[in-house]
Protein backbone atom coordinates (compact mmCIF):
# COMPACT_ATOMS: atom_id res chain seq x y z
CA MET A 1 25.28 12.50 8.84
CA LEU A 2 26.30 15.15 11.33
CA THR A 3 27.33 17.53 8.55
CA CYS A 4 23.93 17.17 6.86
CA TYR A 5 22.15 17.95 10.12
CA SER A 6 24.37 20.95 10.80
CA ARG A 7 23.70 22.27 7.27
CA TYR A 8 19.97 21.79 7.85
CA GLN A 9 20.18 23.73 11.10
CA THR A 10 22.15 26.52 9.41
CA VAL A 11 19.64 26.86 6.60
CA ARG A 12 16.79 26.78 9.11
CA GLN A 13 18.36 29.55 11.17
CA ASN A 14 19.05 31.65 8.07
CA TRP A 15 15.47 31.11 6.87
CA SER A 16 13.98 32.16 10.18
CA SER A 17 16.20 35.25 10.37
CA LEU A 18 14.79 36.60 7.10
CA PRO A 19 12.00 39.18 7.32
CA PHE A 20 8.46 38.06 6.51
CA TRP A 21 8.35 39.71 3.07
CA ALA A 22 11.67 38.09 2.08
CA ARG A 23 10.38 34.65 3.03
CA ARG A 24 7.30 35.25 0.85
CA VAL A 25 9.46 36.27 -2.12
CA LEU A 26 11.61 33.16 -1.68
CA PHE A 27 8.46 31.04 -1.47
CA LEU A 28 7.13 32.59 -4.71
CA PHE A 29 10.35 31.68 -6.51
CA ALA A 30 10.27 28.12 -5.10
CA LEU A 31 6.60 27.61 -5.97
CA PRO A 32 7.14 26.57 -9.65
CA GLY A 33 9.57 23.84 -8.59
CA MET A 34 7.17 22.55 -5.94
CA LEU A 35 4.33 22.53 -8.47
CA ALA A 36 6.49 20.67 -10.99
CA ALA A 37 7.36 18.03 -8.38
CA GLY A 38 3.70 17.61 -7.44
CA LEU A 39 2.62 17.35 -11.07
CA SER A 40 5.28 14.73 -11.79
CA ILE A 41 4.01 12.61 -8.89
CA LEU A 42 0.47 13.02 -10.23
CA ALA A 43 1.65 12.04 -13.73
CA LEU A 44 3.26 8.90 -12.29
CA GLY A 45 -0.03 7.91 -10.66
CA VAL A 46 -1.98 8.52 -13.88
CA SER A 47 0.49 6.47 -15.92
CA ILE A 48 0.24 3.53 -13.50
CA LEU A 49 -3.56 3.73 -13.63
CA ALA A 50 -3.47 3.80 -17.45
CA LEU A 51 -1.18 0.78 -17.44
CA LEU A 52 -3.62 -1.16 -15.26
CA LEU A 53 -6.65 -0.09 -17.28
CA LEU A 54 -5.02 -1.23 -20.52
CA THR A 55 -3.50 -4.49 -19.35
CA LEU A 56 -6.24 -5.88 -17.10
CA PRO A 57 -8.76 -6.57 -19.91
CA VAL A 58 -6.04 -8.24 -21.99
CA TYR A 59 -4.99 -10.37 -19.00
CA ARG A 60 -8.56 -11.49 -18.39
CA LEU A 61 -9.05 -12.28 -22.08
CA LEU A 62 -5.87 -14.34 -22.17
CA THR A 63 -6.75 -16.27 -19.00
CA TRP A 64 -10.19 -16.97 -20.46
CA LEU A 65 -8.72 -18.14 -23.80
CA THR A 66 -6.04 -20.33 -22.25
CA GLY A 67 -8.21 -21.64 -19.41
CA SER A 68 -5.54 -20.92 -16.82
CA GLY A 69 -6.02 -19.06 -13.56
CA ALA A 70 -8.48 -19.86 -10.80
CA ALA A 71 -10.91 -22.54 -11.93
CA GLN A 72 -13.53 -21.73 -9.32
CA SER A 73 -13.90 -19.08 -6.71
CA PRO A 74 -14.09 -20.29 -3.10
CA PRO A 75 -17.62 -20.70 -1.72
CA LEU A 76 -19.09 -17.70 0.04
CA ALA A 77 -19.89 -17.75 3.75
CA GLY A 78 -23.34 -19.22 4.27
CA ALA A 79 -23.42 -20.79 0.82
CA PRO A 80 -24.39 -24.45 0.63
CA VAL A 81 -21.40 -26.76 0.62
CA GLY A 82 -21.42 -29.72 -1.71
CA PRO A 83 -19.87 -33.12 -0.99
CA GLU A 84 -16.88 -32.38 -3.22
CA THR A 85 -15.84 -29.40 -1.07
CA ARG A 86 -16.26 -31.10 2.34
CA ARG A 87 -13.32 -32.58 4.16
CA HIS A 88 -12.98 -34.49 7.39
CA VAL A 89 -11.33 -32.71 10.33
CA ASP A 90 -10.25 -34.54 13.48
CA VAL A 91 -10.54 -32.50 16.67
CA ARG A 92 -9.14 -33.45 20.07
CA ILE A 93 -9.96 -31.35 23.13
CA ILE A 94 -7.58 -31.77 26.04
CA GLU A 95 -8.67 -30.31 29.35
CA ASN A 96 -6.40 -29.94 32.36
CA GLU A 97 -7.35 -31.46 35.68
CA PRO A 98 -8.35 -28.95 38.36
CA GLY A 99 -5.39 -27.61 40.31
CA LEU A 100 -2.81 -28.21 37.55
CA PRO A 101 -1.22 -25.26 35.68
CA PRO A 102 -2.20 -24.94 32.00
CA ASP A 103 0.27 -26.30 29.47
CA SER A 104 2.09 -23.70 27.39
């Protein structure tokens, strides 16, 4: 780890000791590699998007044909709730007496 950091510091010092025009020339020669790396990352994103666009309709068709998946979506907030979706909830409120510390 220390050797990697010392190499980084050496390259950084050598880079900063170059004149301005030499740094620009070095940047121009490194530019095609940086563009290739950026384009490969972009190509990866496009391929993942194409995979999703092609497989999602097939997945939905298969879940519709087989009848699997979520049978019903959960009710929206404010939507009327039918008797089949209601459930009983027991609630107990315990209050401390004045002067006693609250329970943790």
